[in-house]
Every structure is written in structure tokens, then in C-alpha cells.
């Protein structure tokens, strides 16, 4: 049986009592009583962010969607075990992260970084002026270089960098998702940025380290 993922707790953490938490507690109570419509509300409220977590591991859009669906199934089955030691969002993100890791292990040849075939739209399409075409070409070259550089990171570095840089997760939330201390996450992020800077020496795309070391 799928068990609730362990999430690092903060000593003497005050009881959460904001309206969102109260609302989600009511939804969880309804789900435990067999109300599936309440779970659909949970899905609608969290699926976008869970998709971002999945793409931090897999990137490929279709695979990430499959992972989110699987994560919701696991979460639904595990709701009776949810104790509220972490927020519902953190719990769902952790399940999604673990499910994405399992998916990548099963699909050893699954690309970690989306290719141009995954793009919603060709960036060179519908461009008429020469300047726009040249700018789009430069942007596409830069995108490919960034993707190439990110592929050189370890899986954990990729996930942490993507969650922070592209998905704008807070350090404390990333720490809970990947089950590492905030200090460890900052160090991994620092290491990832340093590697990317080396690889992208000709491109001014990696912002200052200080920004990524803040919460």
C-alpha cells in the first residue's frame, strides 16, 4: 500500500489555521467519507503546480501529464493516511516528485529535456521581418544551449534548478519535495549554477548566485 511520504518537519511549528487549510481539511473529510466530487476540487486546485514538479524531473509534457495522473491516484488511495504534518500541497508535490523519479527509472531512455518536437509552437513560425527572424533564431540557439547544459547536471541538480529557476518554488518548499535540508538544497543549487555558468560561458543567461541562494 502506498504510504504517506515523510516530509521534514519544523520543530514547534505552529498549527496552520488559514482559510485555505480549513477549506482543504473539509474537503479531505468529505473525501474520506467517499465524496469523489471533493477530490475533483483538490485535483483542480493542485494539478498545475504538480505538473510543474513532474516536469522538473521529466520535462517532456506528455510524460509529466501521465505522472500527475498517477500521482493523483496514489494520493487518493493514501488520503486516509494523511496526517497533516505538512501542507496538502507539499504532500502532493512530494508524491508527484517520487512518482516522476520512478517513471524516469522505468523509462531509461526517456529524454530529460524537451526537444523542439515538444514545443507548443515553432518559434520561427509566423515571423515576417528579418529582425524578428534573426531574434527568434538567436533565442532558439540559446534555448538549445541551455537544454544541453542542463542535461549535464545530475538528476537532483536538474530538478532543484528547474523548480527554483523555471517554476519559482521557494527553497523551503523544494527542500520538502526532495527531502533535503534547506542548506543542502542551496548548496546543490549553487553547484548547479556554477556548472551551468561554465557550460554557458558565452551566454549571459545565468543570474547572480545570490538570488538562488535566497529563500
N, C-alpha and C. Protein backbone atom coordinates (compact mmCIF):
# COMPACT_ATOMS: atom_id res chain seq x y z
N UNK A 1 0.85 -1.21 0.00
CA UNK A 1 0.00 0.00 0.00
C UNK A 1 0.88 1.24 0.00
N UNK A 2 0.46 2.22 -0.77
CA UNK A 2 1.23 3.46 -0.82
C UNK A 2 1.11 4.18 0.51
N UNK A 3 2.24 4.57 1.07
CA UNK A 3 2.24 5.26 2.35
C UNK A 3 2.54 6.73 2.17
N UNK A 4 2.09 7.50 3.13
CA UNK A 4 2.32 8.94 3.07
C UNK A 4 3.82 9.23 3.10
N UNK A 5 4.33 10.02 2.13
CA UNK A 5 5.76 10.35 2.14
C UNK A 5 6.12 11.12 3.39
N UNK A 6 7.28 10.83 3.92
CA UNK A 6 7.75 11.57 5.08
C UNK A 6 8.26 12.92 4.63
N UNK A 7 7.89 13.98 5.31
CA UNK A 7 8.33 15.32 4.99
C UNK A 7 8.96 15.92 6.21
N UNK A 8 10.10 16.57 6.02
CA UNK A 8 10.81 17.15 7.15
C UNK A 8 9.90 18.14 7.86
N UNK A 9 9.85 18.02 9.16
CA UNK A 9 9.00 18.92 9.94
C UNK A 9 9.87 19.96 10.65
N UNK A 10 9.25 21.09 10.94
CA UNK A 10 9.94 22.15 11.65
C UNK A 10 9.56 22.09 13.11
N UNK A 11 10.54 22.04 14.05
CA UNK A 11 10.21 21.95 15.47
C UNK A 11 9.30 23.09 15.91
N UNK A 12 8.32 22.73 16.78
CA UNK A 12 7.42 23.72 17.34
C UNK A 12 6.68 24.52 16.28
N UNK A 13 6.40 23.87 15.17
CA UNK A 13 5.71 24.56 14.10
C UNK A 13 4.30 24.89 14.54
N UNK A 14 3.84 26.14 14.38
CA UNK A 14 2.50 26.50 14.82
C UNK A 14 1.44 25.81 13.98
N UNK A 15 0.29 25.57 14.58
CA UNK A 15 -0.82 24.94 13.88
C UNK A 15 -1.29 25.87 12.77
N UNK A 16 -1.42 25.35 11.54
CA UNK A 16 -1.90 26.17 10.43
C UNK A 16 -3.39 26.37 10.59
N UNK A 17 -3.86 27.60 10.47
CA UNK A 17 -5.27 27.87 10.67
C UNK A 17 -5.81 28.82 9.62
N UNK A 18 -5.10 29.01 8.50
CA UNK A 18 -5.57 29.94 7.48
C UNK A 18 -6.79 29.33 6.78
N UNK A 19 -7.59 30.17 6.12
CA UNK A 19 -8.83 29.69 5.49
C UNK A 19 -8.62 28.58 4.47
N UNK A 20 -7.51 28.65 3.70
CA UNK A 20 -7.25 27.62 2.69
C UNK A 20 -7.08 26.26 3.35
N UNK A 21 -6.31 26.20 4.45
CA UNK A 21 -6.08 24.94 5.14
C UNK A 21 -7.39 24.41 5.70
N UNK A 22 -8.21 25.27 6.27
CA UNK A 22 -9.50 24.85 6.81
C UNK A 22 -10.38 24.29 5.70
N UNK A 23 -10.37 24.98 4.55
CA UNK A 23 -11.18 24.52 3.42
C UNK A 23 -10.71 23.17 2.92
N UNK A 24 -9.39 22.98 2.84
CA UNK A 24 -8.86 21.71 2.37
C UNK A 24 -9.13 20.60 3.38
N UNK A 25 -9.13 20.93 4.66
CA UNK A 25 -9.44 19.92 5.68
C UNK A 25 -10.88 19.43 5.51
N UNK A 26 -11.78 20.36 5.22
CA UNK A 26 -13.17 19.97 5.00
C UNK A 26 -13.28 19.07 3.77
N UNK A 27 -12.51 19.42 2.71
CA UNK A 27 -12.53 18.60 1.51
C UNK A 27 -11.99 17.20 1.81
N UNK A 28 -10.90 17.13 2.57
CA UNK A 28 -10.32 15.83 2.92
C UNK A 28 -11.29 14.99 3.73
N UNK A 29 -12.01 15.64 4.64
CA UNK A 29 -13.01 14.92 5.43
C UNK A 29 -14.10 14.36 4.52
N UNK A 30 -14.51 15.15 3.54
CA UNK A 30 -15.53 14.69 2.59
C UNK A 30 -15.02 13.52 1.76
N UNK A 31 -13.73 13.61 1.35
CA UNK A 31 -13.14 12.53 0.54
C UNK A 31 -13.10 11.24 1.35
N UNK A 32 -12.71 11.34 2.62
CA UNK A 32 -12.64 10.16 3.49
C UNK A 32 -14.00 9.52 3.69
N UNK A 33 -15.06 10.33 3.49
CA UNK A 33 -16.42 9.81 3.62
C UNK A 33 -16.95 9.29 2.28
N UNK A 34 -16.07 9.32 1.25
CA UNK A 34 -16.46 8.76 -0.04
C UNK A 34 -16.96 9.76 -1.07
N UNK A 35 -16.80 11.06 -0.79
CA UNK A 35 -17.27 12.09 -1.72
C UNK A 35 -16.20 12.35 -2.79
N UNK A 36 -16.36 11.76 -3.96
CA UNK A 36 -15.36 11.91 -5.03
C UNK A 36 -15.37 13.31 -5.65
N UNK A 37 -16.49 13.99 -5.57
CA UNK A 37 -16.54 15.35 -6.11
C UNK A 37 -15.60 16.27 -5.35
N UNK A 38 -15.40 15.99 -4.07
CA UNK A 38 -14.47 16.79 -3.27
C UNK A 38 -13.04 16.58 -3.76
N UNK A 39 -12.72 15.35 -4.16
CA UNK A 39 -11.37 15.09 -4.67
C UNK A 39 -11.15 15.81 -5.99
N UNK A 40 -12.20 15.94 -6.80
CA UNK A 40 -12.05 16.67 -8.07
C UNK A 40 -11.67 18.12 -7.81
N UNK A 41 -12.17 18.68 -6.71
CA UNK A 41 -11.79 20.06 -6.36
C UNK A 41 -10.31 20.12 -5.98
N UNK A 42 -9.82 19.10 -5.29
CA UNK A 42 -8.40 19.02 -4.96
C UNK A 42 -7.57 18.96 -6.24
N UNK A 43 -8.02 18.14 -7.17
CA UNK A 43 -7.31 17.98 -8.44
C UNK A 43 -7.22 19.32 -9.17
N UNK A 44 -8.35 20.01 -9.28
CA UNK A 44 -8.37 21.29 -9.99
C UNK A 44 -7.47 22.33 -9.32
N UNK A 45 -7.40 22.28 -8.01
CA UNK A 45 -6.62 23.27 -7.28
C UNK A 45 -5.13 23.03 -7.30
N UNK A 46 -4.69 21.78 -7.58
CA UNK A 46 -3.26 21.46 -7.43
C UNK A 46 -2.60 20.90 -8.68
N UNK A 47 -3.37 20.57 -9.71
CA UNK A 47 -2.78 19.87 -10.85
C UNK A 47 -1.74 20.69 -11.60
N UNK A 48 -1.93 22.01 -11.70
CA UNK A 48 -0.97 22.83 -12.44
C UNK A 48 0.40 22.82 -11.77
N UNK A 49 0.41 23.00 -10.46
CA UNK A 49 1.68 23.02 -9.73
C UNK A 49 2.33 21.63 -9.72
N UNK A 50 1.51 20.60 -9.62
CA UNK A 50 2.05 19.24 -9.66
C UNK A 50 2.67 18.94 -11.02
N UNK A 51 2.07 19.48 -12.06
CA UNK A 51 2.63 19.29 -13.40
C UNK A 51 4.01 19.94 -13.48
N UNK A 52 4.18 21.09 -12.84
CA UNK A 52 5.49 21.75 -12.82
C UNK A 52 6.51 20.89 -12.10
N UNK A 53 6.10 20.28 -11.00
CA UNK A 53 7.01 19.40 -10.26
C UNK A 53 7.41 18.21 -11.14
N UNK A 54 6.45 17.62 -11.82
CA UNK A 54 6.75 16.48 -12.68
C UNK A 54 7.70 16.87 -13.80
N UNK A 55 7.51 18.04 -14.36
CA UNK A 55 8.38 18.48 -15.47
C UNK A 55 9.77 18.87 -14.99
N UNK A 56 9.92 19.11 -13.70
CA UNK A 56 11.27 19.38 -13.19
C UNK A 56 12.12 18.11 -13.24
N UNK A 57 11.46 16.97 -13.30
CA UNK A 57 12.15 15.68 -13.37
C UNK A 57 12.17 15.15 -14.80
N UNK A 58 11.06 15.29 -15.50
CA UNK A 58 10.91 14.66 -16.81
C UNK A 58 10.95 15.63 -17.98
N UNK A 59 10.42 16.84 -17.77
CA UNK A 59 10.35 17.89 -18.77
C UNK A 59 9.36 17.58 -19.90
N UNK A 60 9.44 16.38 -20.46
CA UNK A 60 8.52 16.03 -21.54
C UNK A 60 7.08 16.18 -21.06
N UNK A 61 6.30 16.96 -21.79
CA UNK A 61 4.95 17.33 -21.35
C UNK A 61 4.03 16.13 -21.19
N UNK A 62 4.02 15.25 -22.19
CA UNK A 62 3.11 14.10 -22.13
C UNK A 62 3.45 13.17 -20.97
N UNK A 63 4.74 12.92 -20.77
CA UNK A 63 5.16 12.06 -19.66
C UNK A 63 4.78 12.70 -18.32
N UNK A 64 4.96 14.01 -18.23
CA UNK A 64 4.62 14.72 -16.99
C UNK A 64 3.13 14.60 -16.69
N UNK A 65 2.31 14.70 -17.72
CA UNK A 65 0.86 14.58 -17.51
C UNK A 65 0.50 13.18 -17.01
N UNK A 66 1.17 12.16 -17.58
CA UNK A 66 0.93 10.79 -17.12
C UNK A 66 1.31 10.64 -15.65
N UNK A 67 2.43 11.24 -15.27
CA UNK A 67 2.90 11.16 -13.89
C UNK A 67 1.92 11.83 -12.94
N UNK A 68 1.41 12.99 -13.33
CA UNK A 68 0.46 13.70 -12.47
C UNK A 68 -0.79 12.85 -12.25
N UNK A 69 -1.28 12.21 -13.31
CA UNK A 69 -2.45 11.34 -13.18
C UNK A 69 -2.17 10.20 -12.20
N UNK A 70 -0.98 9.60 -12.35
CA UNK A 70 -0.60 8.51 -11.46
C UNK A 70 -0.46 8.99 -10.02
N UNK A 71 0.10 10.19 -9.87
CA UNK A 71 0.29 10.75 -8.52
C UNK A 71 -1.06 11.01 -7.85
N UNK A 72 -2.03 11.49 -8.60
CA UNK A 72 -3.36 11.73 -8.03
C UNK A 72 -4.02 10.42 -7.59
N UNK A 73 -3.82 9.36 -8.36
CA UNK A 73 -4.37 8.06 -7.98
C UNK A 73 -3.75 7.60 -6.67
N UNK A 74 -2.42 7.74 -6.56
CA UNK A 74 -1.74 7.36 -5.32
C UNK A 74 -2.23 8.20 -4.15
N UNK A 75 -2.37 9.50 -4.41
CA UNK A 75 -2.81 10.40 -3.34
C UNK A 75 -4.21 10.05 -2.86
N UNK A 76 -5.09 9.75 -3.78
CA UNK A 76 -6.47 9.41 -3.43
C UNK A 76 -6.50 8.18 -2.52
N UNK A 77 -5.68 7.18 -2.88
CA UNK A 77 -5.64 5.96 -2.08
C UNK A 77 -5.00 6.20 -0.71
N UNK A 78 -4.10 7.20 -0.65
CA UNK A 78 -3.34 7.43 0.59
C UNK A 78 -3.97 8.48 1.49
N UNK A 79 -5.05 9.13 1.06
CA UNK A 79 -5.65 10.20 1.86
C UNK A 79 -6.00 9.76 3.29
N UNK A 80 -6.45 8.52 3.51
CA UNK A 80 -6.71 8.11 4.90
C UNK A 80 -5.47 8.16 5.78
N UNK A 81 -4.28 8.12 5.15
CA UNK A 81 -3.03 8.15 5.90
C UNK A 81 -2.50 9.56 6.11
N UNK A 82 -3.11 10.54 5.44
CA UNK A 82 -2.61 11.91 5.52
C UNK A 82 -2.89 12.48 6.91
N UNK A 83 -1.81 12.86 7.60
CA UNK A 83 -1.92 13.34 8.98
C UNK A 83 -1.86 14.85 9.11
N UNK A 84 -1.52 15.54 8.03
CA UNK A 84 -1.45 16.99 8.09
C UNK A 84 -0.17 17.52 8.69
N UNK A 85 0.89 16.68 8.77
CA UNK A 85 2.17 17.16 9.29
C UNK A 85 2.81 18.17 8.36
N UNK A 86 2.50 18.06 7.07
CA UNK A 86 2.91 19.05 6.08
C UNK A 86 1.65 19.56 5.40
N UNK A 87 1.76 20.63 4.65
CA UNK A 87 0.60 21.13 3.93
C UNK A 87 0.16 20.12 2.89
N UNK A 88 -1.07 20.18 2.48
CA UNK A 88 -1.58 19.27 1.45
C UNK A 88 -0.78 19.46 0.16
N UNK A 89 -0.46 20.70 -0.18
CA UNK A 89 0.30 20.98 -1.41
C UNK A 89 1.66 20.30 -1.36
N UNK A 90 2.37 20.44 -0.25
CA UNK A 90 3.69 19.83 -0.11
C UNK A 90 3.59 18.30 -0.22
N UNK A 91 2.58 17.74 0.41
CA UNK A 91 2.35 16.29 0.37
C UNK A 91 2.13 15.82 -1.07
N UNK A 92 1.29 16.54 -1.81
CA UNK A 92 1.01 16.19 -3.20
C UNK A 92 2.24 16.37 -4.08
N UNK A 93 3.00 17.43 -3.82
CA UNK A 93 4.22 17.67 -4.60
C UNK A 93 5.24 16.56 -4.37
N UNK A 94 5.32 16.11 -3.12
CA UNK A 94 6.27 15.04 -2.80
C UNK A 94 5.87 13.73 -3.50
N UNK A 95 4.59 13.42 -3.48
CA UNK A 95 4.12 12.22 -4.18
C UNK A 95 4.43 12.34 -5.67
N UNK A 96 4.20 13.51 -6.25
CA UNK A 96 4.46 13.73 -7.67
C UNK A 96 5.94 13.56 -7.98
N UNK A 97 6.79 14.11 -7.13
CA UNK A 97 8.24 14.02 -7.35
C UNK A 97 8.70 12.57 -7.32
N UNK A 98 8.25 11.81 -6.33
CA UNK A 98 8.63 10.41 -6.22
C UNK A 98 8.10 9.60 -7.41
N UNK A 99 6.89 9.91 -7.84
CA UNK A 99 6.30 9.21 -8.98
C UNK A 99 7.08 9.51 -10.25
N UNK A 100 7.50 10.76 -10.41
CA UNK A 100 8.29 11.14 -11.58
C UNK A 100 9.65 10.45 -11.59
N UNK A 101 10.26 10.36 -10.42
CA UNK A 101 11.54 9.65 -10.31
C UNK A 101 11.38 8.19 -10.71
N UNK A 102 10.32 7.56 -10.21
CA UNK A 102 10.04 6.16 -10.56
C UNK A 102 9.81 6.01 -12.06
N UNK A 103 9.09 6.96 -12.64
CA UNK A 103 8.80 6.92 -14.07
C UNK A 103 10.11 6.98 -14.87
N UNK A 104 10.99 7.87 -14.46
CA UNK A 104 12.26 8.01 -15.20
C UNK A 104 13.11 6.76 -15.06
N UNK A 105 13.05 6.12 -13.91
CA UNK A 105 13.80 4.87 -13.73
C UNK A 105 13.25 3.78 -14.63
N UNK A 106 11.92 3.77 -14.79
CA UNK A 106 11.31 2.77 -15.67
C UNK A 106 11.61 3.06 -17.14
N UNK A 107 11.64 4.32 -17.48
CA UNK A 107 11.88 4.73 -18.87
C UNK A 107 13.31 5.25 -18.99
N UNK A 108 14.25 4.35 -19.03
CA UNK A 108 15.66 4.73 -19.01
C UNK A 108 16.05 5.59 -20.19
N UNK A 109 15.33 5.43 -21.29
CA UNK A 109 15.67 6.20 -22.48
C UNK A 109 14.80 7.43 -22.63
N UNK A 110 14.03 7.73 -21.60
CA UNK A 110 13.19 8.91 -21.65
C UNK A 110 14.04 10.17 -21.61
N UNK A 111 13.90 11.10 -22.58
CA UNK A 111 14.71 12.33 -22.56
C UNK A 111 14.36 13.20 -21.37
N UNK A 112 15.39 13.71 -20.71
CA UNK A 112 15.17 14.55 -19.54
C UNK A 112 14.75 15.95 -19.94
N UNK A 113 15.16 16.36 -21.12
CA UNK A 113 14.90 17.73 -21.56
C UNK A 113 14.04 17.70 -22.81
N UNK A 114 13.05 18.58 -22.87
CA UNK A 114 12.17 18.60 -24.02
C UNK A 114 12.93 18.99 -25.28
N UNK A 115 12.62 18.34 -26.38
CA UNK A 115 13.22 18.70 -27.66
C UNK A 115 12.30 19.68 -28.37
N UNK A 116 12.74 20.14 -29.53
CA UNK A 116 11.93 21.09 -30.27
C UNK A 116 10.59 20.49 -30.67
N UNK A 117 10.52 19.15 -30.74
CA UNK A 117 9.27 18.49 -31.09
C UNK A 117 8.23 18.63 -29.99
N UNK A 118 8.68 18.97 -28.76
CA UNK A 118 7.76 19.12 -27.64
C UNK A 118 7.18 20.53 -27.57
N UNK A 119 7.70 21.42 -28.38
CA UNK A 119 7.28 22.82 -28.31
C UNK A 119 5.82 22.97 -28.68
N UNK A 120 5.14 23.89 -28.03
CA UNK A 120 3.76 24.16 -28.36
C UNK A 120 3.67 24.75 -29.76
N UNK A 121 4.68 25.54 -30.14
CA UNK A 121 4.65 26.21 -31.43
C UNK A 121 6.06 26.46 -31.88
N UNK A 122 6.31 26.33 -33.14
CA UNK A 122 7.62 26.61 -33.69
C UNK A 122 7.92 28.09 -33.50
N UNK A 123 9.02 28.45 -32.80
CA UNK A 123 9.30 29.86 -32.53
C UNK A 123 9.60 30.66 -33.79
N UNK A 124 9.89 29.98 -34.91
CA UNK A 124 10.19 30.69 -36.15
C UNK A 124 8.95 30.87 -37.04
N UNK A 125 7.84 30.30 -36.57
CA UNK A 125 6.63 30.39 -37.39
C UNK A 125 6.03 31.79 -37.31
N UNK A 126 5.41 32.21 -38.40
CA UNK A 126 4.65 33.47 -38.46
C UNK A 126 5.51 34.70 -38.25
N UNK A 127 6.81 34.60 -38.46
CA UNK A 127 7.68 35.76 -38.33
C UNK A 127 7.98 36.29 -39.73
N UNK A 128 7.72 37.57 -39.93
CA UNK A 128 7.84 38.13 -41.27
C UNK A 128 9.08 39.01 -41.44
N UNK A 129 9.40 39.80 -40.45
CA UNK A 129 10.53 40.71 -40.62
C UNK A 129 11.85 39.99 -40.39
N UNK A 130 12.89 40.47 -41.05
CA UNK A 130 14.21 39.87 -40.92
C UNK A 130 14.71 39.93 -39.48
N UNK A 131 14.49 41.08 -38.83
CA UNK A 131 14.96 41.25 -37.45
C UNK A 131 14.29 40.24 -36.53
N UNK A 132 12.99 40.03 -36.71
CA UNK A 132 12.28 39.09 -35.87
C UNK A 132 12.77 37.67 -36.10
N UNK A 133 13.05 37.34 -37.34
CA UNK A 133 13.56 36.01 -37.66
C UNK A 133 14.91 35.79 -37.00
N UNK A 134 15.79 36.78 -37.13
CA UNK A 134 17.13 36.67 -36.53
C UNK A 134 17.04 36.56 -35.01
N UNK A 135 16.15 37.33 -34.39
CA UNK A 135 15.99 37.28 -32.94
C UNK A 135 15.46 35.91 -32.51
N UNK A 136 14.53 35.38 -33.31
CA UNK A 136 13.96 34.07 -32.98
C UNK A 136 15.01 32.98 -33.12
N UNK A 137 15.85 33.09 -34.13
CA UNK A 137 16.92 32.10 -34.32
C UNK A 137 17.88 32.15 -33.14
N UNK A 138 18.26 33.37 -32.72
CA UNK A 138 19.16 33.51 -31.58
C UNK A 138 18.53 32.92 -30.31
N UNK A 139 17.22 33.17 -30.13
CA UNK A 139 16.53 32.64 -28.95
C UNK A 139 16.49 31.12 -28.99
N UNK A 140 16.29 30.56 -30.17
CA UNK A 140 16.23 29.11 -30.30
C UNK A 140 17.59 28.48 -30.04
N UNK A 141 18.65 29.12 -30.53
CA UNK A 141 20.01 28.62 -30.28
C UNK A 141 20.30 28.65 -28.78
N UNK A 142 19.91 29.76 -28.13
CA UNK A 142 20.13 29.88 -26.69
C UNK A 142 19.36 28.81 -25.93
N UNK A 143 18.09 28.57 -26.33
CA UNK A 143 17.28 27.56 -25.67
C UNK A 143 17.95 26.19 -25.77
N UNK A 144 18.44 25.87 -26.96
CA UNK A 144 19.09 24.57 -27.16
C UNK A 144 20.36 24.45 -26.33
N UNK A 145 21.10 25.55 -26.21
CA UNK A 145 22.33 25.53 -25.41
C UNK A 145 22.01 25.34 -23.93
N UNK A 146 20.96 26.00 -23.47
CA UNK A 146 20.55 25.84 -22.07
C UNK A 146 20.13 24.40 -21.80
N UNK A 147 19.35 23.83 -22.71
CA UNK A 147 18.90 22.44 -22.54
C UNK A 147 20.08 21.48 -22.53
N UNK A 148 21.03 21.73 -23.42
CA UNK A 148 22.23 20.88 -23.48
C UNK A 148 22.98 20.96 -22.16
N UNK A 149 23.13 22.17 -21.63
CA UNK A 149 23.88 22.35 -20.38
C UNK A 149 23.16 21.70 -19.20
N UNK A 150 21.84 21.83 -19.15
CA UNK A 150 21.08 21.25 -18.04
C UNK A 150 21.18 19.73 -18.06
N UNK A 151 21.30 19.14 -19.24
CA UNK A 151 21.44 17.69 -19.33
C UNK A 151 22.71 17.19 -18.67
N UNK A 152 23.69 18.06 -18.52
CA UNK A 152 24.96 17.68 -17.91
C UNK A 152 24.90 17.67 -16.38
N UNK A 153 23.81 18.21 -15.82
CA UNK A 153 23.65 18.20 -14.38
C UNK A 153 23.18 16.83 -13.91
N UNK A 154 23.38 16.56 -12.64
CA UNK A 154 22.84 15.31 -12.08
C UNK A 154 21.31 15.43 -12.03
N UNK A 155 20.58 14.30 -11.95
CA UNK A 155 19.12 14.39 -11.88
C UNK A 155 18.62 15.28 -10.76
N UNK A 156 19.25 15.20 -9.57
CA UNK A 156 18.80 16.03 -8.46
C UNK A 156 19.09 17.50 -8.72
N UNK A 157 20.25 17.80 -9.30
CA UNK A 157 20.58 19.18 -9.65
C UNK A 157 19.59 19.73 -10.67
N UNK A 158 19.25 18.91 -11.65
CA UNK A 158 18.28 19.33 -12.66
C UNK A 158 16.95 19.69 -12.02
N UNK A 159 16.46 18.81 -11.14
CA UNK A 159 15.16 19.04 -10.52
C UNK A 159 15.17 20.29 -9.66
N UNK A 160 16.18 20.44 -8.83
CA UNK A 160 16.24 21.59 -7.93
C UNK A 160 16.39 22.88 -8.72
N UNK A 161 17.26 22.88 -9.73
CA UNK A 161 17.45 24.09 -10.54
C UNK A 161 16.16 24.45 -11.28
N UNK A 162 15.49 23.45 -11.84
CA UNK A 162 14.26 23.71 -12.58
C UNK A 162 13.15 24.23 -11.67
N UNK A 163 12.99 23.59 -10.51
CA UNK A 163 11.97 24.04 -9.57
C UNK A 163 12.20 25.48 -9.13
N UNK A 164 13.45 25.84 -8.90
CA UNK A 164 13.76 27.20 -8.42
C UNK A 164 13.76 28.22 -9.54
N UNK A 165 14.44 27.89 -10.64
CA UNK A 165 14.68 28.88 -11.69
C UNK A 165 13.49 29.02 -12.63
N UNK A 166 12.91 27.91 -13.05
CA UNK A 166 11.83 27.96 -14.03
C UNK A 166 10.44 27.94 -13.40
N UNK A 167 10.29 27.27 -12.25
CA UNK A 167 8.98 27.14 -11.64
C UNK A 167 8.78 28.06 -10.43
N UNK A 168 9.86 28.73 -10.00
CA UNK A 168 9.79 29.73 -8.92
C UNK A 168 9.32 29.16 -7.58
N UNK A 169 9.66 27.91 -7.30
CA UNK A 169 9.38 27.35 -5.98
C UNK A 169 10.33 27.98 -4.96
N UNK A 170 9.87 28.14 -3.73
CA UNK A 170 10.72 28.64 -2.66
C UNK A 170 11.67 27.53 -2.21
N UNK A 171 12.81 27.94 -1.66
CA UNK A 171 13.81 26.98 -1.21
C UNK A 171 13.21 26.01 -0.18
N UNK A 172 12.43 26.54 0.75
CA UNK A 172 11.88 25.68 1.81
C UNK A 172 10.92 24.64 1.21
N UNK A 173 10.19 25.02 0.16
CA UNK A 173 9.27 24.07 -0.48
C UNK A 173 10.03 23.01 -1.26
N UNK A 174 11.09 23.43 -1.94
CA UNK A 174 11.92 22.47 -2.67
C UNK A 174 12.53 21.47 -1.69
N UNK A 175 12.99 21.97 -0.55
CA UNK A 175 13.60 21.09 0.46
C UNK A 175 12.63 20.00 0.89
N UNK A 176 11.36 20.35 1.07
CA UNK A 176 10.36 19.36 1.47
C UNK A 176 10.09 18.37 0.34
N UNK A 177 10.06 18.86 -0.89
CA UNK A 177 9.76 18.00 -2.03
C UNK A 177 10.85 16.95 -2.23
N UNK A 178 12.12 17.38 -2.17
CA UNK A 178 13.23 16.45 -2.44
C UNK A 178 13.79 15.82 -1.17
N UNK A 179 13.20 16.18 -0.02
CA UNK A 179 13.62 15.63 1.27
C UNK A 179 15.09 15.87 1.55
N UNK A 180 15.46 17.12 1.47
CA UNK A 180 16.80 17.56 1.85
C UNK A 180 16.64 18.81 2.72
N UNK A 181 17.67 19.13 3.49
CA UNK A 181 17.61 20.34 4.29
C UNK A 181 17.70 21.56 3.36
N UNK A 182 17.25 22.71 3.86
CA UNK A 182 17.32 23.92 3.05
C UNK A 182 18.77 24.25 2.69
N UNK A 183 19.68 24.04 3.65
CA UNK A 183 21.09 24.30 3.38
C UNK A 183 21.63 23.42 2.27
N UNK A 184 21.24 22.14 2.28
CA UNK A 184 21.68 21.22 1.23
C UNK A 184 21.13 21.63 -0.11
N UNK A 185 19.85 22.03 -0.15
CA UNK A 185 19.25 22.48 -1.41
C UNK A 185 19.99 23.69 -1.96
N UNK A 186 20.33 24.63 -1.09
CA UNK A 186 21.07 25.83 -1.53
C UNK A 186 22.43 25.45 -2.09
N UNK A 187 23.09 24.50 -1.43
CA UNK A 187 24.40 24.07 -1.91
C UNK A 187 24.31 23.38 -3.27
N UNK A 188 23.29 22.53 -3.43
CA UNK A 188 23.10 21.84 -4.71
C UNK A 188 22.78 22.86 -5.80
N UNK A 189 21.96 23.85 -5.46
CA UNK A 189 21.60 24.89 -6.42
C UNK A 189 22.83 25.70 -6.82
N UNK A 190 23.67 26.03 -5.84
CA UNK A 190 24.91 26.76 -6.10
C UNK A 190 25.81 25.95 -7.04
N UNK A 191 25.91 24.64 -6.78
CA UNK A 191 26.74 23.77 -7.61
C UNK A 191 26.19 23.69 -9.04
N UNK A 192 24.87 23.60 -9.17
CA UNK A 192 24.25 23.53 -10.49
C UNK A 192 24.49 24.81 -11.28
N UNK A 193 24.34 25.95 -10.61
CA UNK A 193 24.55 27.24 -11.28
C UNK A 193 26.00 27.37 -11.73
N UNK A 194 26.91 26.93 -10.87
CA UNK A 194 28.34 27.00 -11.22
C UNK A 194 28.63 26.15 -12.45
N UNK A 195 28.05 24.96 -12.54
CA UNK A 195 28.24 24.10 -13.70
C UNK A 195 27.67 24.74 -14.96
N UNK A 196 26.48 25.31 -14.82
CA UNK A 196 25.83 25.93 -15.98
C UNK A 196 26.61 27.14 -16.47
N UNK A 197 27.14 27.90 -15.53
CA UNK A 197 27.95 29.06 -15.92
C UNK A 197 29.18 28.63 -16.73
N UNK A 198 29.78 27.52 -16.30
CA UNK A 198 30.94 27.01 -17.04
C UNK A 198 30.55 26.62 -18.45
N UNK A 199 29.43 25.93 -18.57
CA UNK A 199 28.98 25.44 -19.88
C UNK A 199 28.47 26.56 -20.78
N UNK A 200 27.89 27.58 -20.15
CA UNK A 200 27.29 28.67 -20.92
C UNK A 200 28.14 29.93 -20.82
N UNK A 201 29.42 29.75 -20.89
CA UNK A 201 30.35 30.85 -20.71
C UNK A 201 30.13 31.96 -21.73
N UNK A 202 29.64 31.61 -22.92
CA UNK A 202 29.46 32.60 -23.99
C UNK A 202 28.07 33.22 -23.96
N UNK A 203 27.24 32.80 -23.01
CA UNK A 203 25.88 33.33 -22.94
C UNK A 203 25.63 33.92 -21.56
N UNK A 204 25.14 35.15 -21.52
CA UNK A 204 24.85 35.81 -20.23
C UNK A 204 23.43 35.46 -19.82
N UNK A 205 23.24 34.21 -19.37
CA UNK A 205 21.87 33.77 -19.06
C UNK A 205 21.69 33.34 -17.62
N UNK A 206 22.76 33.08 -16.89
CA UNK A 206 22.64 32.65 -15.50
C UNK A 206 22.81 33.85 -14.59
N UNK A 207 21.79 34.16 -13.82
CA UNK A 207 21.81 35.33 -12.97
C UNK A 207 22.71 35.08 -11.76
N UNK A 208 22.86 36.10 -10.94
CA UNK A 208 23.78 36.03 -9.82
C UNK A 208 23.45 34.88 -8.87
N UNK A 209 24.49 34.28 -8.30
CA UNK A 209 24.31 33.17 -7.37
C UNK A 209 23.49 33.60 -6.17
N UNK A 210 23.64 34.84 -5.74
CA UNK A 210 22.97 35.28 -4.52
C UNK A 210 21.47 35.10 -4.60
N UNK A 211 20.89 35.37 -5.79
CA UNK A 211 19.44 35.25 -5.93
C UNK A 211 18.97 33.84 -5.65
N UNK A 212 19.73 32.85 -6.13
CA UNK A 212 19.31 31.48 -5.99
C UNK A 212 19.65 30.91 -4.61
N UNK A 213 20.46 31.60 -3.86
CA UNK A 213 20.79 31.11 -2.53
C UNK A 213 19.84 31.70 -1.49
N UNK A 214 18.95 32.60 -1.93
CA UNK A 214 17.99 33.18 -1.00
C UNK A 214 16.72 32.33 -0.98
N UNK A 215 15.89 32.54 0.03
CA UNK A 215 14.69 31.71 0.19
C UNK A 215 13.58 32.20 -0.72
